[in-house]
Protein backbone atom coordinates (compact mmCIF):
# COMPACT_ATOMS: atom_id res chain seq x y z
CA UNK A 1 -15.10 -16.47 21.39
CA UNK A 2 -12.39 -14.24 19.54
CA UNK A 3 -13.20 -12.77 16.68
CA UNK A 4 -10.33 -14.51 14.24
CA UNK A 5 -10.79 -17.86 15.43
CA UNK A 6 -14.89 -17.56 15.02
CA UNK A 7 -13.20 -17.42 11.08
CA UNK A 8 -10.96 -20.00 11.01
CA UNK A 9 -13.41 -22.20 12.71
CA UNK A 10 -15.08 -21.74 10.05
CA UNK A 11 -12.64 -22.01 6.74
CA UNK A 12 -10.64 -24.29 8.37
CA UNK A 13 -13.04 -26.92 10.15
CA UNK A 14 -14.32 -30.10 7.39
CA UNK A 15 -16.13 -33.58 7.75
CA UNK A 16 -14.32 -36.60 7.15
CA UNK A 17 -17.30 -36.26 4.13
CA UNK A 18 -15.56 -34.02 2.08
CA UNK A 19 -12.77 -35.66 1.39
CA UNK A 20 -13.22 -38.74 -1.36
CA UNK A 21 -10.58 -41.19 -0.88
CA UNK A 22 -9.66 -41.18 -5.05
CA UNK A 23 -9.03 -37.30 -4.89
CA UNK A 24 -6.48 -37.66 -1.93
CA UNK A 25 -4.51 -40.26 -3.87
CA UNK A 26 -4.73 -38.36 -6.63
CA UNK A 27 -3.45 -35.34 -5.46
CA UNK A 28 -0.64 -37.08 -3.05
CA UNK A 29 1.52 -36.65 -5.33
CA UNK A 30 5.05 -37.42 -3.77
CA UNK A 31 3.88 -36.85 -1.05
CA UNK A 32 4.37 -39.64 1.57
CA UNK A 33 2.08 -40.98 4.45
CA UNK A 34 3.15 -42.89 8.12
CA UNK A 35 0.53 -43.51 9.84
CA UNK A 36 1.57 -44.31 13.57
CA UNK A 37 -0.34 -46.62 16.33
CA UNK A 38 0.67 -46.39 20.05
CA UNK A 39 -0.38 -49.27 21.38
CA UNK A 40 -0.82 -50.44 25.09
CA UNK A 41 -1.93 -53.54 25.87
CA UNK A 42 -4.56 -53.72 22.64
CA UNK A 43 -4.67 -56.59 21.27
CA UNK A 44 -8.02 -56.50 20.99
CA UNK A 45 -8.71 -53.52 18.45
CA UNK A 46 -5.19 -53.50 17.02
CA UNK A 47 -5.42 -55.78 13.77
CA UNK A 48 -8.89 -55.09 13.70
CA UNK A 49 -7.43 -51.44 12.94
CA UNK A 50 -4.06 -52.86 11.08
CA UNK A 51 -6.09 -54.31 8.75
CA UNK A 52 -8.70 -52.06 7.84
CA UNK A 53 -5.95 -48.85 7.05
CA UNK A 54 -3.87 -51.90 4.91
CA UNK A 55 -7.37 -52.76 2.68
CA UNK A 56 -9.26 -49.53 1.85
CA UNK A 57 -5.95 -46.61 1.85
CA UNK A 58 -3.77 -48.80 0.07
CA UNK A 59 -2.39 -45.99 -2.73
CA UNK A 60 -3.01 -43.36 0.20
CA UNK A 61 -1.08 -44.54 2.38
CA UNK A 62 3.26 -45.68 2.57
CA UNK A 63 3.34 -47.14 5.78
CA UNK A 64 1.78 -48.59 9.56
CA UNK A 65 3.90 -48.51 12.72
CA UNK A 66 2.61 -49.21 15.62
CA UNK A 67 4.71 -48.46 18.70
CA UNK A 68 3.99 -50.82 21.69
CA UNK A 69 4.47 -49.51 24.79
CA UNK A 70 5.50 -52.74 26.54
CA UNK A 71 2.71 -54.22 26.24
CA UNK A 72 1.56 -57.35 28.89
CA UNK A 73 0.21 -58.79 26.30
CA UNK A 74 0.41 -59.99 22.42
CA UNK A 75 -0.27 -56.82 20.76
CA UNK A 76 2.97 -56.22 19.07
CA UNK A 77 2.58 -60.19 17.39
CA UNK A 78 -0.84 -59.27 16.93
CA UNK A 79 -0.13 -55.77 14.48
CA UNK A 80 2.71 -57.52 12.32
CA UNK A 81 0.75 -60.00 11.70
CA UNK A 82 -2.32 -57.44 10.70
CA UNK A 83 0.74 -56.32 8.08
CA UNK A 84 2.17 -53.56 10.53
CA UNK A 85 5.97 -52.30 11.21
CA UNK A 86 6.28 -53.16 15.38
CA UNK A 87 8.81 -51.56 17.39
CA UNK A 88 9.88 -51.66 20.53
CA UNK A 89 8.93 -47.49 22.28
CA UNK A 90 12.32 -48.89 24.20
CA UNK A 91 14.37 -49.90 21.70
CA UNK A 92 13.83 -46.71 19.32
CA UNK A 93 17.32 -44.22 20.90
CA UNK A 94 17.92 -47.09 23.13
CA UNK A 95 20.80 -44.17 23.96
CA UNK A 96 18.39 -42.09 26.68
CA UNK A 97 17.28 -43.02 29.09
CA UNK A 98 13.61 -44.18 28.50
CA UNK A 99 10.78 -42.07 28.81
CA UNK A 100 6.79 -43.60 30.53
CA UNK A 101 3.34 -42.02 28.61
CA UNK A 102 1.84 -41.54 25.03
CA UNK A 103 4.40 -38.69 24.40
CA UNK A 104 7.03 -40.97 24.77
CA UNK A 105 5.55 -43.45 21.96
CA UNK A 106 4.38 -40.77 19.99
CA UNK A 107 7.89 -38.76 20.00
CA UNK A 108 9.75 -41.60 18.84
CA UNK A 109 7.48 -42.94 16.03
CA UNK A 110 9.03 -39.58 14.12
CA UNK A 111 12.63 -41.79 15.09
CA UNK A 112 11.45 -45.24 12.62
CA UNK A 113 8.58 -43.35 10.19
CA UNK A 114 10.27 -41.60 7.49
CA UNK A 115 6.21 -40.58 5.44
CA UNK A 116 6.59 -36.47 4.95
CA UNK A 117 3.06 -36.38 6.71
CA UNK A 118 2.12 -38.04 10.05
CA UNK A 119 -0.60 -39.34 10.46
CA UNK A 120 -1.48 -40.84 14.59
CA UNK A 121 -4.12 -42.27 15.96
CA UNK A 122 -5.26 -44.83 18.58
CA UNK A 123 -5.30 -48.52 18.96
CA UNK A 124 -8.22 -48.89 21.08
CA UNK A 125 -10.55 -47.41 18.80
CA UNK A 126 -13.75 -49.64 18.17
CA UNK A 127 -15.85 -49.87 14.49
CA UNK A 128 -13.14 -48.18 13.63
CA UNK A 129 -13.30 -46.65 10.21
CA UNK A 130 -11.13 -45.07 7.36
CA UNK A 131 -12.08 -42.51 7.21
CA UNK A 132 -10.42 -41.94 10.80
CA UNK A 133 -7.42 -41.42 8.67
CA UNK A 134 -8.42 -40.58 5.47
CA UNK A 135 -10.51 -37.35 6.39
CA UNK A 136 -7.29 -35.83 8.64
CA UNK A 137 -5.26 -36.00 5.46
CA UNK A 138 -7.78 -34.30 3.22
CA UNK A 139 -6.72 -30.79 4.44
CA UNK A 140 -3.07 -31.25 4.59
CA UNK A 141 -2.72 -32.68 1.08
CA UNK A 142 -5.28 -30.26 -0.51
CA UNK A 143 -3.19 -27.11 1.25
CA UNK A 144 -0.29 -26.85 1.41
CA UNK A 145 -0.15 -24.21 4.18
CA UNK A 146 -1.96 -26.39 6.77
CA UNK A 147 0.63 -27.87 9.14
CA UNK A 148 -1.51 -29.59 11.15
CA UNK A 149 -5.29 -31.39 11.64
CA UNK A 150 -6.66 -32.48 13.83
CA UNK A 151 -9.33 -33.87 14.38
CA UNK A 152 -13.13 -33.82 16.12
CA UNK A 153 -16.28 -36.15 16.28
CA UNK A 154 -18.71 -37.10 18.99
CA UNK A 155 -17.81 -39.06 22.42
CA UNK A 156 -20.36 -42.18 23.01
CA UNK A 157 -20.72 -43.59 26.20
CA UNK A 158 -22.39 -46.38 28.53
CA UNK A 159 -25.04 -46.03 24.89
CA UNK A 160 -25.24 -42.87 24.56
CA UNK A 161 -24.33 -41.03 22.07
CA UNK A 162 -22.70 -38.09 23.13
CA UNK A 163 -20.75 -38.11 27.35
CA UNK A 164 -17.56 -38.66 27.01
CA UNK A 165 -14.68 -36.86 26.90
CA UNK A 166 -15.08 -36.27 30.69
CA UNK A 167 -10.92 -35.00 30.82
CA UNK A 168 -11.23 -32.14 28.08
CA UNK A 169 -14.44 -30.81 29.39
CA UNK A 170 -13.65 -29.69 33.10
CA UNK A 171 -9.96 -29.80 32.39
CA UNK A 172 -8.11 -29.38 29.41
CA UNK A 173 -11.31 -26.38 27.62
CA UNK A 174 -11.30 -24.08 30.49
CA UNK A 175 -7.51 -24.26 30.60
CA UNK A 176 -7.14 -23.61 26.81
CA UNK A 177 -10.25 -20.59 27.21
CA UNK A 178 -7.77 -18.97 30.29
CA UNK A 179 -5.02 -18.90 28.70
CA UNK A 180 -4.65 -20.00 25.05
CA UNK A 181 -7.72 -18.54 23.78
CA UNK A 182 -6.96 -18.65 20.03
CA UNK A 183 -7.14 -22.38 20.39
CA UNK A 184 -11.31 -21.58 21.71
CA UNK A 185 -12.40 -23.41 17.72
CA UNK A 186 -11.10 -27.19 18.85
CA UNK A 187 -13.92 -29.08 19.40
CA UNK A 188 -11.55 -31.89 20.99
CA UNK A 189 -7.95 -30.43 22.12
CA UNK A 190 -7.25 -33.59 23.70
CA UNK A 191 -8.44 -35.99 20.57
CA UNK A 192 -5.69 -38.73 19.50
CA UNK A 193 -7.09 -38.37 16.25
CA UNK A 194 -5.00 -36.31 14.63
CA UNK A 195 -1.88 -35.13 11.46
CA UNK A 196 1.65 -33.32 11.20
CA UNK A 197 4.15 -32.36 8.70
CA UNK A 198 6.99 -33.44 9.79
CA UNK A 199 8.55 -30.15 8.47
CA UNK A 200 6.21 -28.83 11.84
CA UNK A 201 6.92 -32.22 14.11
CA UNK A 202 9.41 -32.07 14.64
CA UNK A 203 10.62 -29.00 15.03
CA UNK A 204 8.51 -28.86 18.47
CA UNK A 205 7.84 -30.58 21.76
CA UNK A 206 7.26 -33.73 23.11
CA UNK A 207 5.70 -33.93 26.64
CA UNK A 208 5.94 -37.90 27.46
CA UNK A 209 2.55 -38.50 29.50
CA UNK A 210 -1.38 -37.14 28.24
CA UNK A 211 -0.74 -33.10 27.96
CA UNK A 212 1.16 -34.14 24.80
CA UNK A 213 -1.92 -33.10 22.02
CA UNK A 214 -2.61 -29.97 24.75
CA UNK A 215 1.50 -29.93 25.03
CA UNK A 216 1.34 -30.07 20.19
CA UNK A 217 -1.66 -27.08 20.04
CA UNK A 218 0.20 -24.65 22.04
CA UNK A 219 3.90 -25.23 20.62
CA UNK A 220 2.01 -25.81 16.74
CA UNK A 221 0.60 -22.47 17.31
CA UNK A 222 3.34 -20.66 18.51
CA UNK A 223 5.33 -22.18 15.16
CA UNK A 224 2.75 -21.85 12.56
CA UNK A 225 -0.49 -20.16 14.11
CA UNK A 226 -3.55 -20.07 13.87
CA UNK A 227 -4.73 -19.97 9.62
CA UNK A 228 -1.47 -23.26 9.60
CA UNK A 229 -4.66 -25.35 11.88
CA UNK A 230 -7.55 -27.33 10.19
CA UNK A 231 -10.27 -28.93 12.19
CA UNK A 232 -12.44 -32.79 10.41
CA UNK A 233 -15.70 -33.15 11.78
CA UNK A 234 -15.39 -36.98 12.42
CA UNK A 235 -18.55 -38.47 13.06
CA UNK A 236 -17.66 -40.58 16.30
CA UNK A 237 -15.47 -42.28 17.79
CA UNK A 238 -16.19 -45.00 20.40
CA UNK A 239 -13.11 -46.47 22.57
CA UNK A 240 -13.30 -48.68 26.40
CA UNK A 241 -14.31 -45.74 28.79
CA UNK A 242 -11.92 -45.25 31.90
CA UNK A 243 -12.56 -45.53 35.03
CA UNK A 244 -12.81 -42.13 37.82
CA UNK A 245 -9.59 -42.72 39.02
CA UNK A 246 -7.51 -42.73 35.45
CA UNK A 247 -9.23 -40.04 34.28
CA UNK A 248 -7.93 -38.23 37.36
CA UNK A 249 -4.16 -38.94 36.33
CA UNK A 250 -5.08 -38.05 32.95
CA UNK A 251 -6.37 -34.30 34.57
CA UNK A 252 -3.02 -33.80 36.19
CA UNK A 253 -1.28 -34.53 34.14
CA UNK A 254 -2.69 -31.82 31.47
CA UNK A 255 -3.47 -29.43 34.31
CA UNK A 256 0.64 -30.36 34.24
CA UNK A 257 0.72 -29.96 30.51
CA UNK A 258 -0.81 -26.60 30.55
CA UNK A 259 1.67 -25.05 33.41
CA UNK A 260 4.86 -25.78 32.13
CA UNK A 261 3.67 -24.07 28.75
CA UNK A 262 2.23 -21.11 30.91
CA UNK A 263 5.80 -20.81 32.70
CA UNK A 264 8.33 -21.10 29.31
CA UNK A 265 5.17 -18.39 27.60
CA UNK A 266 6.16 -16.05 30.68
CA UNK A 267 1.91 -16.10 31.63
CA UNK A 268 2.77 -17.21 35.31
CA UNK A 269 6.05 -16.28 37.51
CA UNK A 270 8.46 -19.83 38.79
CA UNK A 271 8.05 -19.42 42.27
CA UNK A 272 6.42 -22.39 43.10
CA UNK A 273 6.95 -26.14 41.68
CA UNK A 274 3.65 -28.00 41.44
CA UNK A 275 3.76 -31.40 42.42
CA UNK A 276 3.77 -34.92 40.82
CA UNK A 277 1.75 -36.57 43.18
CA UNK A 278 -1.82 -37.37 43.46
CA UNK A 279 -3.28 -38.95 46.47
CA UNK A 280 -6.57 -40.90 45.46
CA UNK A 281 -9.12 -42.25 48.19
CA UNK A 282 -11.00 -45.76 48.30
CA UNK A 283 -14.03 -47.16 50.71
CA UNK A 284 -12.27 -49.77 52.49
CA UNK A 285 -14.04 -51.70 55.61
CA UNK A 286 -13.32 -50.14 58.39
CA UNK A 287 -12.83 -46.10 56.15
CA UNK A 288 -10.97 -45.18 53.26
CA UNK A 289 -7.51 -46.53 51.49
CA UNK A 290 -5.25 -43.72 50.37
CA UNK A 291 -3.65 -45.06 46.83
CA UNK A 292 -0.87 -41.95 46.17
CA UNK A 293 0.04 -42.29 42.16
CA UNK A 294 2.80 -40.25 40.35
CA UNK A 295 2.09 -38.23 38.08
CA UNK A 296 4.93 -36.55 36.76
CA UNK A 297 5.52 -35.55 32.94
CA UNK A 298 9.44 -35.29 31.10
CA UNK A 299 9.74 -33.65 27.83
CA UNK A 300 11.28 -34.89 25.02
CA UNK A 301 13.20 -32.00 22.41
CA UNK A 302 12.11 -31.02 18.78
CA UNK A 303 13.64 -34.33 17.21
CA UNK A 304 15.51 -32.40 14.33
CA UNK A 305 17.60 -31.86 17.38
CA UNK A 306 18.38 -35.62 17.98
CA UNK A 307 20.55 -35.03 14.38
CA UNK A 308 22.90 -33.10 16.46
């Protein structure tokens, strides 16, 4: 690991327990805070998450916004009843052709929130704790030089305390260490819980698929530098595990995200265009059935350009 990364780890890593809620409310001053939950078919968890934030973080969080990403269940209704402001993803900036994926929901949230600081959290977290939100706010409210705080945590899997985050270990971490070693100190580079200043988030593009987290790390590193990043240990975080096939699609999108940034930074030459199709196989009575999925990703420009 690079010496500067080792120094950053010591200097910029904290734990949620280092930040006391009452101190953060006092440090907040005139800064406004928005919490954004992108959600698709998350009726089982989104209401509890919104309720905990409303009850326990009153005075710290100014607005809770759920971006409903084409849910087929009543996620939007459950979230609204719990007290969130709910926006349908495709109804935000309706003059634009809709795109797919988590990154699209996050990017569009910039257009319907007002906070100086935004906290993003996944809406499928089980056993949600308020510290998952206020822990991320600690570095940003305590130090104006920090523009982006990323969560890290243990990932339980099938009853074991660790073992989740397979795409991180098999795809994202190798790519980061190979091509962006300045980012090698992030324990969970694909974590869905992170916070950033609007002034920075509006100045970088957002990839529209599962590569959004990797893209933000790389682009914000270019914008602000490593010392403007912080990392917060949030303990443990549990959500429903995805199938191997679903993880394959996520991995493909992260690899495409890395390709796009390698090409943009001139680290590879563009003589080859990667395919956006993924063939996957399942055993069938007479052999194997093949399913071909579209894993292509899009990109939205910096939100600040939409006002011009």
